[in-house]
Amino acid sequence: MSKQTLFKVIFMSQGQVFEIYARKVGHGAMFGFVEVEELVFGERSTVVVDPSEEKIKSEFDNVRRTYLPMHAIVRIDEVDKQGKSKISKMEGSNVSQFPMPIYTPGDNQS
């Protein structure tokens, strides 16, 4: 029985913190972006429905692969067990991230 790799990806977008689980994470083909594919969500067979998990499921409905800007990534962990995917509001700080590219092209003018 082979164990499948599982990653927990935490990122920020529009004043919210997203926590998702995926089987594949890489640098991708687009410069400055992290490629996340094969998203994993909890089973729908449970009787109790969690509204926060349903919200994130509908957010990524029919998404095969997503590209996240590097500067939006908070953390990527390889985990043994899947937790609950969720969207939460950013709290606890009056400092917010300034949206800017991490990599800027060099000035080749001489």
PDB file of N, CA and C in Angstrom:
ATOM      1  N   MET A   1       0.850  -1.179   0.000  1.00  0.00           N
ATOM      2  CA  MET A   1       0.000   0.000   0.000  1.00  0.00           C
ATOM      3  C   MET A   1       0.888   1.231   0.000  1.00  0.00           C
ATOM      4  N   SER A   2       0.788   2.057  -1.058  1.00  0.00           N
ATOM      5  CA  SER A   2       1.622   3.245  -1.141  1.00  0.00           C
ATOM      6  C   SER A   2       0.913   4.428  -0.487  1.00  0.00           C
ATOM      7  N   LYS A   3       1.703   5.219   0.190  1.00  0.00           N
ATOM      8  CA  LYS A   3       1.171   6.391   0.883  1.00  0.00           C
ATOM      9  C   LYS A   3       1.239   7.578  -0.072  1.00  0.00           C
ATOM     10  N   GLN A   4       0.109   8.254  -0.275  1.00  0.00           N
ATOM     11  CA  GLN A   4       0.074   9.411  -1.158  1.00  0.00           C
ATOM     12  C   GLN A   4       0.534  10.651  -0.401  1.00  0.00           C
ATOM     13  N   THR A   5       1.323  11.484  -1.080  1.00  0.00           N
ATOM     14  CA  THR A   5       1.788  12.730  -0.489  1.00  0.00           C
ATOM     15  C   THR A   5       0.619  13.696  -0.373  1.00  0.00           C
ATOM     16  N   LEU A   6       0.576  14.425   0.742  1.00  0.00           N
ATOM     17  CA  LEU A   6      -0.485  15.399   0.979  1.00  0.00           C
ATOM     18  C   LEU A   6       0.134  16.678   1.522  1.00  0.00           C
ATOM     19  N   PHE A   7      -0.256  17.817   0.949  1.00  0.00           N
ATOM     20  CA  PHE A   7       0.250  19.113   1.364  1.00  0.00           C
ATOM     21  C   PHE A   7      -0.878  19.985   1.904  1.00  0.00           C
ATOM     22  N   LYS A   8      -0.564  20.726   2.954  1.00  0.00           N
ATOM     23  CA  LYS A   8      -1.474  21.761   3.457  1.00  0.00           C
ATOM     24  C   LYS A   8      -0.906  23.093   2.983  1.00  0.00           C
ATOM     25  N   VAL A   9      -1.709  23.868   2.251  1.00  0.00           N
ATOM     26  CA  VAL A   9      -1.280  25.142   1.697  1.00  0.00           C
ATOM     27  C   VAL A   9      -2.115  26.244   2.346  1.00  0.00           C
ATOM     28  N   ILE A  10      -1.430  27.198   2.965  1.00  0.00           N
ATOM     29  CA  ILE A  10      -2.107  28.342   3.582  1.00  0.00           C
ATOM     30  C   ILE A  10      -1.691  29.574   2.797  1.00  0.00           C
ATOM     31  N   PHE A  11      -2.689  30.343   2.324  1.00  0.00           N
ATOM     32  CA  PHE A  11      -2.392  31.550   1.559  1.00  0.00           C
ATOM     33  C   PHE A  11      -3.423  32.627   1.847  1.00  0.00           C
ATOM     34  N   MET A  12      -3.066  33.864   1.504  1.00  0.00           N
ATOM     35  CA  MET A  12      -3.942  35.017   1.729  1.00  0.00           C
ATOM     36  C   MET A  12      -4.503  35.500   0.400  1.00  0.00           C
ATOM     37  N   SER A  13      -5.763  35.917   0.434  1.00  0.00           N
ATOM     38  CA  SER A  13      -6.389  36.494  -0.747  1.00  0.00           C
ATOM     39  C   SER A  13      -7.562  37.364  -0.315  1.00  0.00           C
ATOM     40  N   GLN A  14      -7.533  38.628  -0.717  1.00  0.00           N
ATOM     41  CA  GLN A  14      -8.622  39.580  -0.483  1.00  0.00           C
ATOM     42  C   GLN A  14      -9.048  39.631   0.983  1.00  0.00           C
ATOM     43  N   GLY A  15      -8.091  39.756   1.884  1.00  0.00           N
ATOM     44  CA  GLY A  15      -8.381  39.898   3.302  1.00  0.00           C
ATOM     45  C   GLY A  15      -8.819  38.623   3.998  1.00  0.00           C
ATOM     46  N   GLN A  16      -8.631  37.498   3.351  1.00  0.00           N
ATOM     47  CA  GLN A  16      -9.005  36.218   3.942  1.00  0.00           C
ATOM     48  C   GLN A  16      -7.820  35.266   3.897  1.00  0.00           C
ATOM     49  N   VAL A  17      -7.821  34.318   4.825  1.00  0.00           N
ATOM     50  CA  VAL A  17      -6.784  33.287   4.868  1.00  0.00           C
ATOM     51  C   VAL A  17      -7.433  31.971   4.444  1.00  0.00           C
ATOM     52  N   PHE A  18      -6.866  31.348   3.423  1.00  0.00           N
ATOM     53  CA  PHE A  18      -7.370  30.090   2.892  1.00  0.00           C
ATOM     54  C   PHE A  18      -6.452  28.971   3.356  1.00  0.00           C
ATOM     55  N   GLU A  19      -7.040  27.868   3.755  1.00  0.00           N
ATOM     56  CA  GLU A  19      -6.279  26.665   4.111  1.00  0.00           C
ATOM     57  C   GLU A  19      -6.848  25.525   3.278  1.00  0.00           C
ATOM     58  N   ILE A  20      -6.025  24.999   2.364  1.00  0.00           N
ATOM     59  CA  ILE A  20      -6.487  23.941   1.472  1.00  0.00           C
ATOM     60  C   ILE A  20      -5.494  22.775   1.515  1.00  0.00           C
ATOM     61  N   TYR A  21      -5.937  21.628   1.032  1.00  0.00           N
ATOM     62  CA  TYR A  21      -5.108  20.429   0.968  1.00  0.00           C
ATOM     63  C   TYR A  21      -5.014  19.988  -0.487  1.00  0.00           C
ATOM     64  N   ALA A  22      -3.808  19.559  -0.884  1.00  0.00           N
ATOM     65  CA  ALA A  22      -3.592  19.155  -2.267  1.00  0.00           C
ATOM     66  C   ALA A  22      -2.567  18.033  -2.331  1.00  0.00           C
ATOM     67  N   ARG A  23      -2.631  17.254  -3.397  1.00  0.00           N
ATOM     68  CA  ARG A  23      -1.697  16.150  -3.604  1.00  0.00           C
ATOM     69  C   ARG A  23      -0.401  16.616  -4.278  1.00  0.00           C
ATOM     70  N   LYS A  24      -0.471  17.665  -5.086  1.00  0.00           N
ATOM     71  CA  LYS A  24       0.713  18.133  -5.813  1.00  0.00           C
ATOM     72  C   LYS A  24       0.889  19.640  -5.639  1.00  0.00           C
ATOM     73  N   VAL A  25       2.124  20.042  -5.332  1.00  0.00           N
ATOM     74  CA  VAL A  25       2.480  21.460  -5.218  1.00  0.00           C
ATOM     75  C   VAL A  25       3.847  21.625  -5.876  1.00  0.00           C
ATOM     76  N   GLY A  26       3.985  22.650  -6.709  1.00  0.00           N
ATOM     77  CA  GLY A  26       5.257  22.866  -7.385  1.00  0.00           C
ATOM     78  C   GLY A  26       5.421  24.302  -7.830  1.00  0.00           C
ATOM     79  N   HIS A  27       6.578  24.607  -8.420  1.00  0.00           N
ATOM     80  CA  HIS A  27       6.844  25.972  -8.855  1.00  0.00           C
ATOM     81  C   HIS A  27       6.080  26.336 -10.112  1.00  0.00           C
ATOM     82  N   GLY A  28       5.653  25.370 -10.867  1.00  0.00           N
ATOM     83  CA  GLY A  28       4.793  25.607 -12.016  1.00  0.00           C
ATOM     84  C   GLY A  28       5.502  26.251 -13.191  1.00  0.00           C
ATOM     85  N   ALA A  29       4.744  26.489 -14.226  1.00  0.00           N
ATOM     86  CA  ALA A  29       5.270  27.038 -15.467  1.00  0.00           C
ATOM     87  C   ALA A  29       5.206  28.560 -15.502  1.00  0.00           C
ATOM     88  N   MET A  30       4.423  29.154 -14.625  1.00  0.00           N
ATOM     89  CA  MET A  30       4.306  30.612 -14.618  1.00  0.00           C
ATOM     90  C   MET A  30       5.230  31.199 -13.554  1.00  0.00           C
ATOM     91  N   PHE A  31       6.105  32.081 -13.981  1.00  0.00           N
ATOM     92  CA  PHE A  31       7.102  32.685 -13.113  1.00  0.00           C
ATOM     93  C   PHE A  31       6.427  33.469 -11.981  1.00  0.00           C
ATOM     94  N   GLY A  32       6.843  33.210 -10.736  1.00  0.00           N
ATOM     95  CA  GLY A  32       6.312  33.937  -9.588  1.00  0.00           C
ATOM     96  C   GLY A  32       5.057  33.323  -8.995  1.00  0.00           C
ATOM     97  N   PHE A  33       4.655  32.153  -9.477  1.00  0.00           N
ATOM     98  CA  PHE A  33       3.448  31.504  -8.989  1.00  0.00           C
ATOM     99  C   PHE A  33       3.755  30.094  -8.494  1.00  0.00           C
ATOM    100  N   VAL A  34       2.978  29.647  -7.519  1.00  0.00           N
ATOM    101  CA  VAL A  34       3.059  28.275  -7.025  1.00  0.00           C
ATOM    102  C   VAL A  34       1.866  27.523  -7.612  1.00  0.00           C
ATOM    103  N   GLU A  35       2.138  26.385  -8.219  1.00  0.00           N
ATOM    104  CA  GLU A  35       1.105  25.573  -8.856  1.00  0.00           C
ATOM    105  C   GLU A  35       0.594  24.543  -7.851  1.00  0.00           C
ATOM    106  N   VAL A  36      -0.720  24.543  -7.634  1.00  0.00           N
ATOM    107  CA  VAL A  36      -1.355  23.621  -6.697  1.00  0.00           C
ATOM    108  C   VAL A  36      -2.399  22.838  -7.471  1.00  0.00           C
ATOM    109  N   GLU A  37      -2.283  21.500  -7.431  1.00  0.00           N
ATOM    110  CA  GLU A  37      -3.262  20.689  -8.161  1.00  0.00           C
ATOM    111  C   GLU A  37      -3.698  19.480  -7.345  1.00  0.00           C
ATOM    112  N   GLU A  38      -4.746  18.853  -7.818  1.00  0.00           N
ATOM    113  CA  GLU A  38      -5.385  17.722  -7.140  1.00  0.00           C
ATOM    114  C   GLU A  38      -5.812  18.113  -5.721  1.00  0.00           C
ATOM    115  N   LEU A  39      -6.665  19.116  -5.650  1.00  0.00           N
ATOM    116  CA  LEU A  39      -7.191  19.576  -4.365  1.00  0.00           C
ATOM    117  C   LEU A  39      -7.999  18.472  -3.705  1.00  0.00           C
ATOM    118  N   VAL A  40      -7.896  18.386  -2.383  1.00  0.00           N
ATOM    119  CA  VAL A  40      -8.556  17.330  -1.613  1.00  0.00           C
ATOM    120  C   VAL A  40      -9.463  17.986  -0.586  1.00  0.00           C
ATOM    121  N   PHE A  41     -10.707  17.551  -0.552  1.00  0.00           N
ATOM    122  CA  PHE A  41     -11.667  18.057   0.434  1.00  0.00           C
ATOM    123  C   PHE A  41     -12.239  16.880   1.202  1.00  0.00           C
ATOM    124  N   GLY A  42     -12.908  17.175   2.317  1.00  0.00           N
ATOM    125  CA  GLY A  42     -13.513  16.126   3.136  1.00  0.00           C
ATOM    126  C   GLY A  42     -14.595  15.387   2.385  1.00  0.00           C
ATOM    127  N   GLU A  43     -14.916  14.215   2.867  1.00  0.00           N
ATOM    128  CA  GLU A  43     -15.938  13.388   2.238  1.00  0.00           C
ATOM    129  C   GLU A  43     -17.323  13.998   2.443  1.00  0.00           C
ATOM    130  N   ARG A  44     -18.162  13.902   1.421  1.00  0.00           N
ATOM    131  CA  ARG A  44     -19.533  14.410   1.509  1.00  0.00           C
ATOM    132  C   ARG A  44     -20.495  13.380   2.090  1.00  0.00           C
ATOM    133  N   SER A  45     -19.973  12.250   2.495  1.00  0.00           N
ATOM    134  CA  SER A  45     -20.843  11.183   2.983  1.00  0.00           C
ATOM    135  C   SER A  45     -21.275  11.394   4.436  1.00  0.00           C
ATOM    136  N   THR A  46     -20.668  12.373   5.106  1.00  0.00           N
ATOM    137  CA  THR A  46     -21.027  12.601   6.501  1.00  0.00           C
ATOM    138  C   THR A  46     -22.390  13.277   6.594  1.00  0.00           C
ATOM    139  N   VAL A  47     -23.078  13.041   7.679  1.00  0.00           N
ATOM    140  CA  VAL A  47     -24.408  13.602   7.871  1.00  0.00           C
ATOM    141  C   VAL A  47     -24.313  15.080   8.253  1.00  0.00           C
ATOM    142  N   VAL A  48     -23.335  15.439   9.075  1.00  0.00           N
ATOM    143  CA  VAL A  48     -23.178  16.817   9.522  1.00  0.00           C
ATOM    144  C   VAL A  48     -22.455  17.617   8.440  1.00  0.00           C
ATOM    145  N   VAL A  49     -23.038  18.749   8.029  1.00  0.00           N
ATOM    146  CA  VAL A  49     -22.454  19.590   6.996  1.00  0.00           C
ATOM    147  C   VAL A  49     -21.809  20.794   7.666  1.00  0.00           C
ATOM    148  N   ASP A  50     -20.532  21.023   7.374  1.00  0.00           N
ATOM    149  CA  ASP A  50     -19.799  22.163   7.914  1.00  0.00           C
ATOM    150  C   ASP A  50     -19.886  23.317   6.915  1.00  0.00           C
ATOM    151  N   PRO A  51     -20.532  24.435   7.285  1.00  0.00           N
ATOM    152  CA  PRO A  51     -20.706  25.547   6.343  1.00  0.00           C
ATOM    153  C   PRO A  51     -19.384  26.152   5.855  1.00  0.00           C
ATOM    154  N   SER A  52     -18.362  26.206   6.712  1.00  0.00           N
ATOM    155  CA  SER A  52     -17.095  26.799   6.290  1.00  0.00           C
ATOM    156  C   SER A  52     -16.396  25.927   5.247  1.00  0.00           C
ATOM    157  N   GLU A  53     -16.486  24.605   5.410  1.00  0.00           N
ATOM    158  CA  GLU A  53     -15.868  23.720   4.424  1.00  0.00           C
ATOM    159  C   GLU A  53     -16.677  23.714   3.124  1.00  0.00           C
ATOM    160  N   GLU A  54     -17.981  23.825   3.221  1.00  0.00           N
ATOM    161  CA  GLU A  54     -18.807  23.891   2.009  1.00  0.00           C
ATOM    162  C   GLU A  54     -18.496  25.162   1.213  1.00  0.00           C
ATOM    163  N   LYS A  55     -18.184  26.248   1.902  1.00  0.00           N
ATOM    164  CA  LYS A  55     -17.859  27.511   1.239  1.00  0.00           C
ATOM    165  C   LYS A  55     -16.581  27.373   0.409  1.00  0.00           C
ATOM    166  N   ILE A  56     -15.573  26.750   0.987  1.00  0.00           N
ATOM    167  CA  ILE A  56     -14.309  26.600   0.252  1.00  0.00           C
ATOM    168  C   ILE A  56     -14.454  25.566  -0.869  1.00  0.00           C
ATOM    169  N   LYS A  57     -15.278  24.555  -0.678  1.00  0.00           N
ATOM    170  CA  LYS A  57     -15.530  23.577  -1.745  1.00  0.00           C
ATOM    171  C   LYS A  57     -16.177  24.267  -2.944  1.00  0.00           C
ATOM    172  N   SER A  58     -17.138  25.140  -2.685  1.00  0.00           N
ATOM    173  CA  SER A  58     -17.794  25.835  -3.793  1.00  0.00           C
ATOM    174  C   SER A  58     -16.855  26.855  -4.440  1.00  0.00           C
ATOM    175  N   GLU A  59     -15.940  27.429  -3.663  1.00  0.00           N
ATOM    176  CA  GLU A  59     -14.953  28.367  -4.206  1.00  0.00           C
ATOM    177  C   GLU A  59     -14.042  27.683  -5.235  1.00  0.00           C
ATOM    178  N   PHE A  60     -13.674  26.430  -4.980  1.00  0.00           N
ATOM    179  CA  PHE A  60     -12.768  25.701  -5.856  1.00  0.00           C
ATOM    180  C   PHE A  60     -13.475  24.606  -6.646  1.00  0.00           C
ATOM    181  N   ASP A  61     -14.785  24.724  -6.815  1.00  0.00           N
ATOM    182  CA  ASP A  61     -15.549  23.746  -7.573  1.00  0.00           C
ATOM    183  C   ASP A  61     -15.056  23.716  -9.018  1.00  0.00           C
ATOM    184  N   ASN A  62     -14.806  22.535  -9.532  1.00  0.00           N
ATOM    185  CA  ASN A  62     -14.344  22.305 -10.909  1.00  0.00           C
ATOM    186  C   ASN A  62     -12.957  22.881 -11.199  1.00  0.00           C
ATOM    187  N   VAL A  63     -12.139  23.122 -10.184  1.00  0.00           N
ATOM    188  CA  VAL A  63     -10.775  23.605 -10.383  1.00  0.00           C
ATOM    189  C   VAL A  63      -9.836  22.400 -10.389  1.00  0.00           C
ATOM    190  N   ARG A  64      -9.135  22.200 -11.488  1.00  0.00           N
ATOM    191  CA  ARG A  64      -8.165  21.106 -11.573  1.00  0.00           C
ATOM    192  C   ARG A  64      -6.808  21.550 -11.035  1.00  0.00           C
ATOM    193  N   ARG A  65      -6.461  22.800 -11.300  1.00  0.00           N
ATOM    194  CA  ARG A  65      -5.160  23.330 -10.914  1.00  0.00           C
ATOM    195  C   ARG A  65      -5.325  24.827 -10.664  1.00  0.00           C
ATOM    196  N   THR A  66      -4.657  25.328  -9.624  1.00  0.00           N
ATOM    197  CA  THR A  66      -4.700  26.757  -9.364  1.00  0.00           C
ATOM    198  C   THR A  66      -3.282  27.273  -9.218  1.00  0.00           C
ATOM    199  N   TYR A  67      -3.079  28.517  -9.618  1.00  0.00           N
ATOM    200  CA  TYR A  67      -1.778  29.164  -9.518  1.00  0.00           C
ATOM    201  C   TYR A  67      -1.897  30.285  -8.490  1.00  0.00           C
ATOM    202  N   LEU A  68      -1.076  30.205  -7.443  1.00  0.00           N
ATOM    203  CA  LEU A  68      -1.114  31.185  -6.373  1.00  0.00           C
ATOM    204  C   LEU A  68       0.144  32.048  -6.436  1.00  0.00           C
ATOM    205  N   PRO A  69      -0.010  33.373  -6.320  1.00  0.00           N
ATOM    206  CA  PRO A  69       1.184  34.232  -6.318  1.00  0.00           C
ATOM    207  C   PRO A  69       2.083  33.889  -5.135  1.00  0.00           C
ATOM    208  N   MET A  70       3.393  33.855  -5.368  1.00  0.00           N
ATOM    209  CA  MET A  70       4.336  33.501  -4.305  1.00  0.00           C
ATOM    210  C   MET A  70       4.185  34.380  -3.074  1.00  0.00           C
ATOM    211  N   HIS A  71       3.936  35.674  -3.288  1.00  0.00           N
ATOM    212  CA  HIS A  71       3.852  36.578  -2.148  1.00  0.00           C
ATOM    213  C   HIS A  71       2.579  36.389  -1.329  1.00  0.00           C
ATOM    214  N   ALA A  72       1.620  35.613  -1.828  1.00  0.00           N
ATOM    215  CA  ALA A  72       0.393  35.349  -1.082  1.00  0.00           C
ATOM    216  C   ALA A  72       0.509  34.100  -0.208  1.00  0.00           C
ATOM    217  N   ILE A  73       1.517  33.275  -0.464  1.00  0.00           N
ATOM    218  CA  ILE A  73       1.688  32.028   0.286  1.00  0.00           C
ATOM    219  C   ILE A  73       2.195  32.340   1.689  1.00  0.00           C
ATOM    220  N   VAL A  74       1.517  31.797   2.690  1.00  0.00           N
ATOM    221  CA  VAL A  74       1.954  31.925   4.070  1.00  0.00           C
ATOM    222  C   VAL A  74       2.806  30.725   4.446  1.00  0.00           C
ATOM    223  N   ARG A  75       2.340  29.541   4.032  1.00  0.00           N
ATOM    224  CA  ARG A  75       3.026  28.325   4.467  1.00  0.00           C
ATOM    225  C   ARG A  75       2.584  27.132   3.614  1.00  0.00           C
ATOM    226  N   ILE A  76       3.519  26.204   3.379  1.00  0.00           N
ATOM    227  CA  ILE A  76       3.204  24.940   2.721  1.00  0.00           C
ATOM    228  C   ILE A  76       3.828  23.842   3.569  1.00  0.00           C
ATOM    229  N   ASP A  77       3.002  22.897   4.027  1.00  0.00           N
ATOM    230  CA  ASP A  77       3.471  21.799   4.865  1.00  0.00           C
ATOM    231  C   ASP A  77       3.120  20.473   4.199  1.00  0.00           C
ATOM    232  N   GLU A  78       4.029  19.511   4.289  1.00  0.00           N
ATOM    233  CA  GLU A  78       3.690  18.142   3.908  1.00  0.00           C
ATOM    234  C   GLU A  78       3.157  17.484   5.173  1.00  0.00           C
ATOM    235  N   VAL A  79       1.939  16.952   5.105  1.00  0.00           N
ATOM    236  CA  VAL A  79       1.267  16.421   6.290  1.00  0.00           C
ATOM    237  C   VAL A  79       0.925  14.946   6.110  1.00  0.00           C
ATOM    238  N   ASP A  80       0.667  14.282   7.247  1.00  0.00           N
ATOM    239  CA  ASP A  80       0.281  12.872   7.221  1.00  0.00           C
ATOM    240  C   ASP A  80      -1.226  12.696   7.095  1.00  0.00           C
ATOM    241  N   LYS A  81      -1.975  13.590   7.758  1.00  0.00           N
ATOM    242  CA  LYS A  81      -3.435  13.475   7.765  1.00  0.00           C
ATOM    243  C   LYS A  81      -4.060  14.762   7.263  1.00  0.00           C
ATOM    244  N   GLN A  82      -5.193  14.621   6.618  1.00  0.00           N
ATOM    245  CA  GLN A  82      -5.933  15.770   6.127  1.00  0.00           C
ATOM    246  C   GLN A  82      -6.737  16.391   7.254  1.00  0.00           C
ATOM    247  N   GLY A  83      -6.665  17.694   7.361  1.00  0.00           N
ATOM    248  CA  GLY A  83      -7.505  18.436   8.291  1.00  0.00           C
ATOM    249  C   GLY A  83      -8.694  19.022   7.552  1.00  0.00           C
ATOM    250  N   LYS A  84      -9.291  20.015   8.164  1.00  0.00           N
ATOM    251  CA  LYS A  84     -10.466  20.647   7.570  1.00  0.00           C
ATOM    252  C   LYS A  84     -10.034  21.849   6.733  1.00  0.00           C
ATOM    253  N   SER A  85     -10.423  21.889   5.474  1.00  0.00           N
ATOM    254  CA  SER A  85     -10.172  23.054   4.635  1.00  0.00           C
ATOM    255  C   SER A  85     -11.074  24.178   5.111  1.00  0.00           C
ATOM    256  N   LYS A  86     -10.562  25.418   5.066  1.00  0.00           N
ATOM    257  CA  LYS A  86     -11.383  26.519   5.570  1.00  0.00           C
ATOM    258  C   LYS A  86     -10.920  27.853   5.014  1.00  0.00           C
ATOM    259  N   ILE A  87     -11.832  28.820   5.127  1.00  0.00           N
ATOM    260  CA  ILE A  87     -11.548  30.214   4.815  1.00  0.00           C
ATOM    261  C   ILE A  87     -11.825  30.992   6.085  1.00  0.00           C
ATOM    262  N   SER A  88     -10.861  31.802   6.500  1.00  0.00           N
ATOM    263  CA  SER A  88     -11.091  32.623   7.692  1.00  0.00           C
ATOM    264  C   SER A  88     -10.647  34.050   7.416  1.00  0.00           C
ATOM    265  N   LYS A  89     -11.164  34.949   8.199  1.00  0.00           N
ATOM    266  CA  LYS A  89     -10.842  36.360   8.058  1.00  0.00           C
ATOM    267  C   LYS A  89      -9.495  36.634   8.718  1.00  0.00           C
ATOM    268  N   MET A  90      -8.669  37.490   8.098  1.00  0.00           N
ATOM    269  CA  MET A  90      -7.388  37.860   8.696  1.00  0.00           C
ATOM    270  C   MET A  90      -7.651  38.694   9.938  1.00  0.00           C
ATOM    271  N   GLU A  91      -7.060  38.299  11.043  1.00  0.00           N
ATOM    272  CA  GLU A  91      -7.257  39.011  12.298  1.00  0.00           C
ATOM    273  C   GLU A  91      -5.952  39.120  13.056  1.00  0.00           C
ATOM    274  N   GLY A  92      -5.934  39.978  14.079  1.00  0.00           N
ATOM    275  CA  GLY A  92      -4.816  40.029  15.002  1.00  0.00           C
ATOM    276  C   GLY A  92      -3.710  40.985  14.647  1.00  0.00           C
ATOM    277  N   SER A  93      -3.867  41.769  13.592  1.00  0.00           N
ATOM    278  CA  SER A  93      -2.804  42.696  13.244  1.00  0.00           C
ATOM    279  C   SER A  93      -3.373  43.875  12.476  1.00  0.00           C
ATOM    280  N   ASN A  94      -2.767  45.020  12.698  1.00  0.00           N
ATOM    281  CA  ASN A  94      -3.176  46.193  11.930  1.00  0.00           C
ATOM    282  C   ASN A  94      -2.228  46.415  10.753  1.00  0.00           C
ATOM    283  N   VAL A  95      -1.331  45.469  10.528  1.00  0.00           N
ATOM    284  CA  VAL A  95      -0.403  45.528   9.408  1.00  0.00           C
ATOM    285  C   VAL A  95      -0.906  44.589   8.330  1.00  0.00           C
ATOM    286  N   SER A  96      -1.041  45.107   7.107  1.00  0.00           N
ATOM    287  CA  SER A  96      -1.466  44.248   6.010  1.00  0.00           C
ATOM    288  C   SER A  96      -0.381  44.211   4.950  1.00  0.00           C
ATOM    289  N   GLN A  97      -0.415  43.175   4.180  1.00  0.00           N
ATOM    290  CA  GLN A  97       0.586  42.962   3.162  1.00  0.00           C
ATOM    291  C   GLN A  97       0.364  43.914   2.003  1.00  0.00           C
ATOM    292  N   PHE A  98       1.433  44.520   1.524  1.00  0.00           N
ATOM    293  CA  PHE A  98       1.360  45.394   0.374  1.00  0.00           C
ATOM    294  C   PHE A  98       1.530  44.550  -0.876  1.00  0.00           C
ATOM    295  N   PRO A  99       0.551  44.554  -1.773  1.00  0.00           N
ATOM    296  CA  PRO A  99       0.673  43.703  -2.963  1.00  0.00           C
ATOM    297  C   PRO A  99       1.734  44.242  -3.917  1.00  0.00           C
ATOM    298  N   MET A 100       2.796  43.470  -4.069  1.00  0.00           N
ATOM    299  CA  MET A 100       3.874  43.864  -4.973  1.00  0.00           C
ATOM    300  C   MET A 100       4.589  42.609  -5.458  1.00  0.00           C
ATOM    301  N   PRO A 101       5.172  42.683  -6.627  1.00  0.00           N
ATOM    302  CA  PRO A 101       5.871  41.506  -7.119  1.00  0.00           C
ATOM    303  C   PRO A 101       7.147  41.252  -6.308  1.00  0.00           C
ATOM    304  N   ILE A 102       7.453  39.985  -6.095  1.00  0.00           N
ATOM    305  CA  ILE A 102       8.681  39.641  -5.403  1.00  0.00           C
ATOM    306  C   ILE A 102       9.874  39.799  -6.339  1.00  0.00           C
ATOM    307  N   TYR A 103       9.703  39.376  -7.562  1.00  0.00           N
ATOM    308  CA  TYR A 103      10.782  39.419  -8.525  1.00  0.00           C
ATOM    309  C   TYR A 103      10.501  40.518  -9.534  1.00  0.00           C
ATOM    310  N   THR A 104      11.451  41.396  -9.731  1.00  0.00           N
ATOM    311  CA  THR A 104      11.303  42.449 -10.725  1.00  0.00           C
ATOM    312  C   THR A 104      12.395  42.287 -11.763  1.00  0.00           C
ATOM    313  N   PRO A 105      12.074  42.529 -13.008  1.00  0.00           N
ATOM    314  CA  PRO A 105      13.098  42.381 -14.043  1.00  0.00           C
ATOM    315  C   PRO A 105      14.209  43.400 -13.845  1.00  0.00           C
ATOM    316  N   GLY A 106      15.438  43.004 -14.156  1.00  0.00           N
ATOM    317  CA  GLY A 106      16.582  43.909 -14.026  1.00  0.00           C
ATOM    318  C   GLY A 106      16.559  44.979 -15.091  1.00  0.00           C
ATOM    319  N   ASP A 107      17.170  46.112 -14.786  1.00  0.00           N
ATOM    320  CA  ASP A 107      17.254  47.215 -15.737  1.00  0.00           C
ATOM    321  C   ASP A 107      18.465  46.972 -16.627  1.00  0.00           C
ATOM    322  N   ASN A 108      18.224  46.654 -17.883  1.00  0.00           N
ATOM    323  CA  ASN A 108      19.308  46.347 -18.809  1.00  0.00           C
ATOM    324  C   ASN A 108      19.741  47.542 -19.629  1.00  0.00           C
ATOM    325  N   GLN A 109      19.382  48.736 -19.243  1.00  0.00           N
ATOM    326  CA  GLN A 109      19.774  49.936 -19.978  1.00  0.00           C
ATOM    327  C   GLN A 109      21.174  50.334 -19.573  1.00  0.00           C
ATOM    328  N   SER A 110      22.049  50.534 -20.544  1.00  0.00           N
ATOM    329  CA  SER A 110      23.418  50.925 -20.247  1.00  0.00           C
ATOM    330  C   SER A 110      23.745  52.237 -20.894  1.00  0.00           C
TER     331      SER A 110
END
